[in-house]
Protein backbone atom coordinates (compact mmCIF):
# COMPACT_ATOMS: atom_id res chain seq x y z
CA UNK A 1 -26.20 22.07 4.74
CA UNK A 2 -29.02 19.58 5.01
CA UNK A 3 -29.14 19.33 8.81
CA UNK A 4 -27.90 22.43 10.62
CA UNK A 5 -27.71 20.64 13.96
CA UNK A 6 -26.72 17.24 12.60
CA UNK A 7 -23.22 17.37 14.08
CA UNK A 8 -24.84 17.83 17.50
CA UNK A 9 -27.62 15.28 17.15
CA UNK A 10 -25.86 12.36 15.46
CA UNK A 11 -22.81 10.49 16.71
CA UNK A 12 -20.17 9.10 14.42
CA UNK A 13 -20.89 5.57 13.25
CA UNK A 14 -18.35 3.88 11.01
CA UNK A 15 -19.00 0.88 8.81
CA UNK A 16 -19.01 -2.30 10.89
CA UNK A 17 -16.54 -5.14 10.37
CA UNK A 18 -16.97 -8.87 10.46
CA UNK A 19 -15.54 -10.40 13.66
CA UNK A 20 -11.76 -10.86 13.31
CA UNK A 21 -11.87 -14.55 14.25
CA UNK A 22 -14.32 -15.08 11.36
CA UNK A 23 -12.80 -12.90 8.66
CA UNK A 24 -9.26 -14.22 9.16
CA UNK A 25 -10.46 -17.53 7.70
CA UNK A 26 -11.06 -16.08 4.22
CA UNK A 27 -9.87 -13.41 1.77
CA UNK A 28 -13.19 -11.62 1.43
CA UNK A 29 -13.79 -7.95 2.15
CA UNK A 30 -14.69 -7.57 5.80
CA UNK A 31 -16.48 -4.21 6.05
CA UNK A 32 -20.28 -4.14 6.32
CA UNK A 33 -22.09 -1.06 4.93
CA UNK A 34 -24.50 0.91 7.10
CA UNK A 35 -28.23 0.90 6.28
CA UNK A 36 -29.49 3.90 4.31
CA UNK A 37 -31.03 5.74 7.27
CA UNK A 38 -27.82 5.53 9.28
CA UNK A 39 -25.79 6.63 6.25
CA UNK A 40 -27.98 9.68 5.74
CA UNK A 41 -27.41 10.63 9.38
CA UNK A 42 -23.67 10.36 8.86
CA UNK A 43 -23.95 12.71 5.88
CA UNK A 44 -26.00 15.03 8.08
CA UNK A 45 -23.10 15.35 10.55
CA UNK A 46 -21.17 17.46 8.02
CA UNK A 47 -21.15 21.09 9.17
CA UNK A 48 -20.67 22.63 5.69
CA UNK A 49 -17.89 24.75 7.16
CA UNK A 50 -17.21 28.21 5.81
CA UNK A 51 -13.66 27.01 5.17
CA UNK A 52 -13.89 23.26 4.49
CA UNK A 53 -10.41 22.11 5.50
CA UNK A 54 -11.41 18.56 4.57
CA UNK A 55 -10.91 19.40 0.89
CA UNK A 56 -7.80 21.60 1.08
CA UNK A 57 -5.21 18.95 0.23
CA UNK A 58 -2.36 21.00 1.65
CA UNK A 59 1.02 19.69 2.81
CA UNK A 60 2.45 21.14 6.02
CA UNK A 61 5.71 19.92 7.57
CA UNK A 62 5.53 16.76 5.50
CA UNK A 63 1.96 15.90 6.54
CA UNK A 64 -1.11 15.99 4.29
CA UNK A 65 -4.14 17.84 5.61
CA UNK A 66 -7.36 17.42 3.70
CA UNK A 67 -8.05 15.64 0.43
CA UNK A 68 -5.33 15.94 -2.27
CA UNK A 69 -8.08 15.55 -4.88
CA UNK A 70 -10.00 18.48 -3.36
CA UNK A 71 -13.15 16.37 -3.25
CA UNK A 72 -16.32 18.42 -2.85
CA UNK A 73 -16.99 16.74 0.46
CA UNK A 74 -19.59 19.09 2.03
CA UNK A 75 -21.61 19.04 -1.19
CA UNK A 76 -21.95 15.30 -1.50
CA UNK A 77 -22.43 14.85 2.23
CA UNK A 78 -25.39 17.23 1.95
CA UNK A 79 -26.78 15.15 -0.92
CA UNK A 80 -26.33 11.93 1.08
CA UNK A 81 -28.38 13.41 3.92
CA UNK A 82 -31.03 14.53 1.42
CA UNK A 83 -31.21 11.00 -0.02
CA UNK A 84 -30.09 12.24 -3.45
CA UNK A 85 -27.40 9.70 -4.23
CA UNK A 86 -27.25 10.57 -7.94
CA UNK A 87 -26.43 14.19 -7.23
CA UNK A 88 -23.88 13.06 -4.64
CA UNK A 89 -22.32 10.85 -7.33
CA UNK A 90 -22.12 13.72 -9.83
CA UNK A 91 -20.22 15.86 -7.31
CA UNK A 92 -17.94 12.99 -6.29
CA UNK A 93 -16.90 12.12 -9.85
CA UNK A 94 -15.97 15.70 -10.65
CA UNK A 95 -12.76 15.30 -8.66
CA UNK A 96 -12.15 11.59 -8.13
CA UNK A 97 -11.83 9.04 -10.93
CA UNK A 98 -11.81 6.03 -8.62
CA UNK A 99 -13.77 6.52 -5.37
CA UNK A 100 -14.12 2.75 -5.03
CA UNK A 101 -10.34 2.59 -4.42
CA UNK A 102 -9.89 5.60 -2.16
CA UNK A 103 -13.05 4.70 -0.24
CA UNK A 104 -11.35 1.46 0.76
CA UNK A 105 -7.61 2.11 1.12
CA UNK A 106 -7.14 5.85 1.65
CA UNK A 107 -6.06 6.78 5.22
CA UNK A 108 -8.56 9.63 4.97
CA UNK A 109 -6.55 12.83 5.52
CA UNK A 110 -9.89 14.54 4.89
CA UNK A 111 -11.15 13.20 8.21
CA UNK A 112 -8.03 14.35 10.04
CA UNK A 113 -8.82 17.87 8.80
CA UNK A 114 -12.54 17.72 9.68
CA UNK A 115 -13.64 20.51 12.05
CA UNK A 116 -15.99 18.08 13.83
CA UNK A 117 -12.91 16.22 15.00
CA UNK A 118 -11.56 19.10 17.05
CA UNK A 119 -13.94 18.55 19.96
CA UNK A 120 -15.51 15.25 18.94
CA UNK A 121 -15.40 12.72 16.11
CA UNK A 122 -14.86 13.66 12.45
CA UNK A 123 -17.43 12.94 9.76
CA UNK A 124 -17.19 9.45 8.21
CA UNK A 125 -16.04 10.93 4.91
CA UNK A 126 -14.37 7.79 3.55
CA UNK A 127 -17.29 5.50 4.37
CA UNK A 128 -19.72 8.02 2.85
CA UNK A 129 -17.64 8.19 -0.31
CA UNK A 130 -17.54 4.42 -0.66
CA UNK A 131 -21.29 4.21 -0.12
CA UNK A 132 -21.98 6.68 -2.95
CA UNK A 133 -19.84 4.91 -5.56
CA UNK A 134 -20.86 1.36 -4.62
CA UNK A 135 -24.52 2.35 -4.63
CA UNK A 136 -23.98 3.82 -8.11
CA UNK A 137 -22.42 0.61 -9.44
CA UNK A 138 -25.15 -1.52 -7.84
CA UNK A 139 -27.95 0.61 -9.30
CA UNK A 140 -26.19 0.81 -12.69
CA UNK A 141 -25.96 4.59 -12.38
CA UNK A 142 -22.36 4.30 -13.60
CA UNK A 143 -22.65 4.51 -17.36
CA UNK A 144 -20.08 4.11 -20.09
CA UNK A 145 -18.77 7.52 -21.17
CA UNK A 146 -17.08 7.59 -24.53
CA UNK A 147 -15.76 10.86 -26.01
CA UNK A 148 -17.94 12.33 -28.76
CA UNK A 149 -14.94 12.46 -31.11
CA UNK A 150 -11.31 11.40 -31.19
CA UNK A 151 -8.37 13.77 -31.46
CA UNK A 152 -6.19 11.53 -33.57
CA UNK A 153 -3.44 11.68 -30.94
CA UNK A 154 -2.00 8.50 -29.44
CA UNK A 155 -0.76 8.25 -25.85
CA UNK A 156 1.03 5.37 -24.16
CA UNK A 157 0.84 5.10 -20.37
CA UNK A 158 3.52 2.86 -18.88
CA UNK A 159 2.21 1.32 -15.67
CA UNK A 160 -1.36 0.58 -14.64
CA UNK A 161 -1.35 1.59 -10.99
CA UNK A 162 -3.57 4.40 -9.67
CA UNK A 163 -1.53 7.18 -11.31
CA UNK A 164 -1.43 5.45 -14.69
CA UNK A 165 -5.14 4.65 -14.58
CA UNK A 166 -5.96 8.28 -13.73
CA UNK A 167 -3.85 9.57 -16.63
CA UNK A 168 -5.47 7.09 -19.00
CA UNK A 169 -9.00 7.83 -17.81
CA UNK A 170 -8.60 11.58 -18.12
CA UNK A 171 -6.93 11.55 -21.54
CA UNK A 172 -9.36 8.98 -22.91
CA UNK A 173 -12.30 11.18 -21.97
CA UNK A 174 -10.55 14.05 -23.78
CA UNK A 175 -10.65 12.01 -26.97
CA UNK A 176 -7.07 10.77 -27.21
CA UNK A 177 -6.36 7.13 -28.04
CA UNK A 178 -4.77 5.68 -24.90
CA UNK A 179 -2.89 2.43 -24.51
CA UNK A 180 -1.76 1.28 -21.07
CA UNK A 181 1.15 -1.16 -21.01
CA UNK A 182 1.81 -3.26 -17.92
CA UNK A 183 4.65 -5.73 -17.30
CA UNK A 184 2.61 -8.00 -15.01
CA UNK A 185 0.00 -10.53 -16.14
CA UNK A 186 -2.91 -8.45 -14.82
CA UNK A 187 -3.47 -4.67 -14.85
CA UNK A 188 -3.86 -2.60 -11.71
CA UNK A 189 -0.30 -2.28 -10.45
CA UNK A 190 -0.23 -1.65 -6.70
CA UNK A 191 -4.03 -1.93 -6.58
CA UNK A 192 -3.84 -5.51 -7.84
CA UNK A 193 -0.56 -6.81 -6.47
CA UNK A 194 0.28 -4.61 -3.48
CA UNK A 195 -2.97 -4.53 -1.49
CA UNK A 196 -4.57 -7.74 -0.11
CA UNK A 197 -7.94 -8.80 -1.41
CA UNK A 198 -9.71 -8.30 1.94
CA UNK A 199 -8.85 -4.59 1.79
CA UNK A 200 -9.34 -4.11 -1.94
CA UNK A 201 -11.11 -6.97 -3.75
CA UNK A 202 -9.58 -7.69 -7.13
CA UNK A 203 -13.00 -7.90 -8.75
CA UNK A 204 -13.43 -4.22 -7.82
CA UNK A 205 -10.20 -3.39 -9.67
CA UNK A 206 -11.26 -5.57 -12.58
CA UNK A 207 -14.65 -3.84 -12.69
CA UNK A 208 -12.95 -0.48 -13.23
CA UNK A 209 -10.52 -1.87 -15.81
CA UNK A 210 -13.44 -3.38 -17.73
CA UNK A 211 -15.32 -0.06 -17.66
CA UNK A 212 -12.27 1.83 -18.93
CA UNK A 213 -11.80 -0.76 -21.66
CA UNK A 214 -15.43 -0.33 -22.68
CA UNK A 215 -14.85 3.40 -22.85
CA UNK A 216 -11.93 3.01 -25.26
CA UNK A 217 -8.73 2.49 -23.24
CA UNK A 218 -6.53 -0.39 -24.40
CA UNK A 219 -4.66 -2.49 -21.82
CA UNK A 220 -1.68 -4.60 -22.90
CA UNK A 221 -0.12 -6.78 -20.21
CA UNK A 222 3.15 -8.66 -20.24
CA UNK A 223 5.05 -5.77 -21.83
CA UNK A 224 8.23 -4.66 -20.07
CA UNK A 225 9.02 -1.10 -21.09
CA UNK A 226 12.41 -1.39 -19.38
CA UNK A 227 13.61 -3.31 -22.45
CA UNK A 228 15.38 -0.67 -24.61
CA UNK A 229 13.92 -2.04 -27.84
CA UNK A 230 10.40 -1.78 -26.42
CA UNK A 231 11.02 1.75 -25.16
CA UNK A 232 12.23 2.85 -28.60
CA UNK A 233 9.16 1.35 -30.23
CA UNK A 234 6.80 3.16 -27.85
CA UNK A 235 8.59 6.47 -28.46
CA UNK A 236 8.26 6.03 -32.21
CA UNK A 237 4.61 4.93 -32.23
CA UNK A 238 3.02 7.37 -29.77
CA UNK A 239 2.63 11.14 -29.62
CA UNK A 240 3.27 11.13 -25.86
CA UNK A 241 4.46 8.62 -23.29
CA UNK A 242 3.62 8.91 -19.60
CA UNK A 243 5.73 6.90 -17.16
CA UNK A 244 3.76 5.80 -14.09
CA UNK A 245 5.87 2.91 -12.85
CA UNK A 246 5.72 3.61 -9.12
CA UNK A 247 8.50 3.75 -6.55
CA UNK A 248 8.94 0.05 -5.97
CA UNK A 249 12.65 -0.12 -5.20
CA UNK A 250 12.73 -1.44 -1.62
CA UNK A 251 14.79 0.23 1.06
CA UNK A 252 17.82 -1.97 1.83
CA UNK A 253 17.38 -4.20 4.85
CA UNK A 254 20.87 -3.56 6.18
CA UNK A 255 21.61 -7.21 6.90
CA UNK A 256 23.95 -9.67 5.26
CA UNK A 257 21.52 -11.93 3.40
CA UNK A 258 23.98 -13.43 0.92
CA UNK A 259 23.31 -17.14 0.59
CA UNK A 260 20.35 -16.99 2.99
CA UNK A 261 16.95 -18.32 1.89
CA UNK A 262 13.72 -17.14 3.50
CA UNK A 263 14.22 -13.35 3.38
CA UNK A 264 11.82 -11.28 1.28
CA UNK A 265 10.48 -7.75 0.99
CA UNK A 266 6.90 -6.92 1.92
CA UNK A 267 5.77 -6.18 -1.63
CA UNK A 268 7.25 -9.47 -2.84
CA UNK A 269 5.31 -11.38 -0.23
CA UNK A 270 2.01 -9.56 -0.82
CA UNK A 271 2.30 -9.97 -4.58
CA UNK A 272 2.97 -13.69 -4.22
CA UNK A 273 -0.02 -14.06 -1.91
CA UNK A 274 -2.32 -12.39 -4.45
CA UNK A 275 -0.96 -14.62 -7.20
CA UNK A 276 -1.52 -17.74 -5.09
CA UNK A 277 -4.92 -17.06 -3.56
CA UNK A 278 -6.64 -14.86 -6.16
CA UNK A 279 -5.08 -15.85 -9.50
CA UNK A 280 -4.33 -19.45 -8.45
CA UNK A 281 -0.73 -19.26 -9.58
CA UNK A 282 1.31 -22.23 -8.35
CA UNK A 283 4.82 -20.87 -8.90
CA UNK A 284 4.75 -17.60 -6.95
CA UNK A 285 8.25 -16.30 -6.20
CA UNK A 286 7.77 -16.04 -2.43
CA UNK A 287 6.67 -19.03 -0.32
CA UNK A 288 3.45 -19.08 1.67
CA UNK A 289 3.53 -18.46 5.41
CA UNK A 290 1.60 -21.64 6.24
CA UNK A 291 3.29 -23.54 9.06
CA UNK A 292 6.19 -21.07 9.24
CA UNK A 293 7.43 -18.79 11.98
CA UNK A 294 7.11 -15.34 10.42
CA UNK A 295 8.91 -12.17 11.49
CA UNK A 296 7.91 -8.88 9.87
CA UNK A 297 10.12 -5.81 10.13
CA UNK A 298 8.48 -2.40 9.94
CA UNK A 299 5.28 -0.55 10.66
CA UNK A 300 2.67 1.08 8.48
CA UNK A 301 0.16 -0.34 6.04
CA UNK A 302 2.47 -2.78 4.24
CA UNK A 303 3.61 -4.37 7.50
CA UNK A 304 0.01 -4.69 8.72
CA UNK A 305 -1.05 -6.22 5.43
CA UNK A 306 1.79 -8.75 5.76
CA UNK A 307 0.61 -9.63 9.28
CA UNK A 308 -2.97 -10.15 8.11
CA UNK A 309 -1.86 -12.17 5.09
CA UNK A 310 0.43 -14.41 7.13
CA UNK A 311 -2.42 -15.14 9.56
CA UNK A 312 -4.71 -16.11 6.70
CA UNK A 313 -2.04 -18.38 5.27
CA UNK A 314 -1.81 -20.24 8.57
CA UNK A 315 1.53 -19.07 9.94
CA UNK A 316 2.75 -20.95 13.01
CA UNK A 317 3.67 -17.65 14.65
CA UNK A 318 3.78 -13.98 13.65
CA UNK A 319 5.96 -11.28 15.21
CA UNK A 320 6.22 -7.67 14.04
CA UNK A 321 9.33 -5.72 14.99
CA UNK A 322 8.88 -1.95 15.27
CA UNK A 323 11.97 0.24 15.54
CA UNK A 324 10.45 3.09 17.54
CA UNK A 325 9.28 2.77 21.18
CA UNK A 326 5.68 2.05 22.06
CA UNK A 327 5.25 5.53 23.54
CA UNK A 328 5.54 7.03 20.05
CA UNK A 329 2.34 5.27 19.00
CA UNK A 330 0.13 5.84 22.01
CA UNK A 331 -3.04 7.81 21.45
CA UNK A 332 -4.82 9.10 24.55
CA UNK A 333 -2.75 6.66 26.55
CA UNK A 334 -3.80 3.61 24.54
CA UNK A 335 -2.15 1.69 21.72
CA UNK A 336 -4.33 1.81 18.58
CA UNK A 337 -5.06 -1.46 16.82
CA UNK A 338 -5.58 -1.68 13.10
CA UNK A 339 -7.41 -4.56 11.41
CA UNK A 340 -4.38 -6.86 11.30
CA UNK A 341 -3.57 -6.46 14.99
CA UNK A 342 -7.19 -7.14 15.91
CA UNK A 343 -6.95 -10.36 13.92
CA UNK A 344 -3.67 -11.36 15.56
CA UNK A 345 -5.20 -10.87 18.99
CA UNK A 346 -8.17 -13.02 18.00
CA UNK A 347 -6.01 -15.81 16.57
CA UNK A 348 -2.96 -15.83 18.85
CA UNK A 349 -4.19 -13.98 21.92
CA UNK A 350 -1.46 -11.34 21.72
CA UNK A 351 -0.48 -8.21 19.84
CA UNK A 352 2.24 -9.25 17.37
CA UNK A 353 4.17 -5.98 17.73
CA UNK A 354 7.44 -5.74 19.64
CA UNK A 355 8.46 -2.13 20.04
CA UNK A 356 11.93 -0.65 20.20
CA UNK A 357 13.67 -3.67 18.70
CA UNK A 358 15.16 -4.59 15.35
CA UNK A 359 16.90 -7.57 13.81
CA UNK A 360 20.60 -7.63 14.65
CA UNK A 361 21.59 -10.82 12.86
CA UNK A 362 20.21 -13.89 11.08
CA UNK A 363 20.41 -17.49 12.24
CA UNK A 364 20.64 -20.17 9.54
CA UNK A 365 21.22 -23.90 9.26
CA UNK A 366 24.10 -25.49 7.37
CA UNK A 367 22.24 -25.15 4.05
CA UNK A 368 21.66 -21.40 4.47
CA UNK A 369 17.95 -21.71 5.28
CA UNK A 370 16.75 -19.13 7.79
CA UNK A 371 15.84 -20.59 11.18
CA UNK A 372 15.76 -17.55 13.45
CA UNK A 373 16.65 -13.91 14.02
CA UNK A 374 18.56 -12.33 16.87
CA UNK A 375 17.14 -8.97 17.93
CA UNK A 376 18.77 -5.88 19.38
CA UNK A 377 17.12 -6.85 22.68
CA UNK A 378 19.33 -9.95 22.79
CA UNK A 379 16.63 -12.56 22.22
CA UNK A 380 16.45 -15.08 19.40
CA UNK A 381 13.09 -15.52 17.73
CA UNK A 382 12.24 -18.59 15.63
CA UNK A 383 11.90 -17.47 12.02
CA UNK A 384 11.79 -19.30 8.71
CA UNK A 385 10.24 -16.39 6.79
CA UNK A 386 11.54 -12.86 7.33
CA UNK A 387 9.57 -10.10 5.61
CA UNK A 388 11.03 -6.60 5.38
CA UNK A 389 8.24 -4.01 5.13
CA UNK A 390 10.66 -1.13 5.58
CA UNK A 391 9.51 1.27 2.88
CA UNK A 392 10.87 2.19 -0.53
CA UNK A 393 14.02 3.87 -1.79
CA UNK A 394 12.54 5.29 -4.99
CA UNK A 395 11.76 4.28 -8.55
CA UNK A 396 13.47 1.45 -10.36
CA UNK A 397 16.18 2.62 -12.74
CA UNK A 398 15.66 0.26 -15.70
CA UNK A 399 12.68 2.07 -17.22
CA UNK A 400 14.34 5.46 -16.77
CA UNK A 401 17.47 4.22 -18.52
CA UNK A 402 15.47 2.67 -21.37
CA UNK A 403 13.73 5.97 -22.12
CA UNK A 404 16.77 8.11 -21.32
CA UNK A 405 15.03 10.19 -18.66
CA UNK A 406 17.04 11.77 -15.88
CA UNK A 407 16.39 10.33 -12.45
CA UNK A 408 17.92 9.92 -9.04
CA UNK A 409 15.60 8.70 -6.29
CA UNK A 410 12.67 9.79 -8.48
CA UNK A 411 12.30 10.96 -12.06
CA UNK A 412 13.39 14.56 -12.54
CA UNK A 413 10.72 16.69 -14.16
CA UNK A 414 10.34 20.36 -15.02
CA UNK A 415 9.79 22.65 -12.04
CA UNK A 416 6.17 22.30 -10.98
CA UNK A 417 5.42 20.05 -13.95
CA UNK A 418 5.51 16.50 -15.28
CA UNK A 419 7.67 16.77 -18.43
CA UNK A 420 10.99 14.93 -18.29
CA UNK A 421 14.22 15.88 -20.06
CA UNK A 422 13.16 13.70 -23.02
CA UNK A 423 10.77 15.21 -25.54
CA UNK A 424 7.18 13.93 -25.28
CA UNK A 425 7.97 11.80 -22.22
CA UNK A 426 6.22 12.65 -18.94
CA UNK A 427 6.20 11.07 -15.48
CA UNK A 428 3.60 11.00 -12.71
CA UNK A 429 2.68 9.28 -9.47
CA UNK A 430 5.13 7.75 -7.03
CA UNK A 431 7.73 7.59 -9.80
CA UNK A 432 7.86 11.38 -9.77
CA UNK A 433 6.69 12.12 -6.23
CA UNK A 434 8.18 9.25 -4.26
CA UNK A 435 6.36 6.73 -2.09
CA UNK A 436 2.95 8.16 -1.21
CA UNK A 437 -0.77 7.46 -0.96
CA UNK A 438 -3.15 6.13 -3.61
CA UNK A 439 -5.07 9.41 -3.42
CA UNK A 440 -1.90 11.38 -4.20
CA UNK A 441 -1.18 9.06 -7.13
CA UNK A 442 -4.63 9.78 -8.57
CA UNK A 443 -4.11 13.52 -8.05
CA UNK A 444 -0.73 13.28 -9.81
CA UNK A 445 -2.28 11.38 -12.70
CA UNK A 446 -5.05 13.95 -13.15
CA UNK A 447 -2.61 16.85 -13.12
CA UNK A 448 -0.20 15.12 -15.51
CA UNK A 449 -3.08 14.38 -17.90
CA UNK A 450 -3.88 18.10 -18.09
CA UNK A 451 -0.27 18.88 -19.00
CA UNK A 452 -0.12 16.11 -21.61
CA UNK A 453 -3.44 17.23 -23.09
CA UNK A 454 -2.12 20.75 -23.51
CA UNK A 455 1.11 19.40 -25.02
CA UNK A 456 -0.85 17.37 -27.59
CA UNK A 457 -3.38 19.92 -28.80
CA UNK A 458 -2.18 23.28 -27.49
CA UNK A 459 -4.75 23.81 -24.76
CA UNK A 460 -6.68 21.88 -22.12
CA UNK A 461 -9.98 22.16 -20.29
CA UNK A 462 -8.90 19.62 -17.69
CA UNK A 463 -8.65 21.11 -14.21
CA UNK A 464 -5.14 20.98 -12.81
CA UNK A 465 -5.19 21.23 -9.03
CA UNK A 466 -1.49 20.69 -8.28
């Protein structure tokens, strides 16, 4: 513990953000790092608790408390306070393959478990983590790590989201030849196509992909493993196959949308926006929000990201319909605002959320184009683009059928493990666990890699923490 009274002397100071009225005009990352002295003070707030709940990663009544990766948080906070960023980096990378992702998009269950938060404000764990890894990339402390020898075993990872990348990274460093196949044009899965650039810049994802490629991992895009012929080829060519295809099947909207144009799911819209604005694709499947009246159904990160994206695309109006009453979201008597709602207030002068209402029916013109929605409150809102950010119903069935693995809502695996009913085929991430956090996907990937490693060579020295 570098500063025994740090939690008493220093107040919490999070990374600043660019003003919402400024940042909504571009797709750039909007957080501003603290100067070194302030960051060291934030590290000094860590109490080095006798029982550091921040790193427990336990699930209680469906809620996660502490870091699922069991990050050595007190250790690297101590090193931040001491000004020893390299030692902080060494402790951070022992448990987390991709701190540059979790430091940006993780909801920080570690902070919710921080003892400092009981009577005051928790330690800025996520900001501290991001500082360590970004400082390491900037100073070129991140070096290529290739295994000293190769095992001769070949592994195919299907899907390049956070779980697939974690599996590939772990097994590559164990000396196995790893190929990652991805059906989209660019690798990264959810990290690339499901999270807007202002939250997770795509050059940050590309930087990690390039590093993994330099270390020996092969990435092959445009390959759909749901095609039975492709699945058979992968099974014949590789010693193990790990399915990490996510849980992207959207939850049904519950409305009659037959013959109606202008209704899309949240992930469809976010993916199209990334393709348009980052990859300059002109034929994205979902139209832009520019000049349209947009209604978004749902709450949570995906809905907020849709709000923020629609604002940046120049929507004529944005409304977000939330099923539960406002009282369910109040914290200390106030309604919390995330980044998207701050931006909506700055642009439109009002919070876009309408609580306790849902869409009852759709209003269309004679051609079937959406023109409005009627809500359960009896009002009709103008709407030419309806986005359903209502969560996910599980993994898509095509890949499971192609490989012959048993699945219902998720892939069925051995009790407490990752092996499927098909020999040498494993599953990890949201595909096995169900819709969850990026940090859980990385934890799943690390644990699955340990099991696959043992399957391939009879033992493993990879730490399995779940």
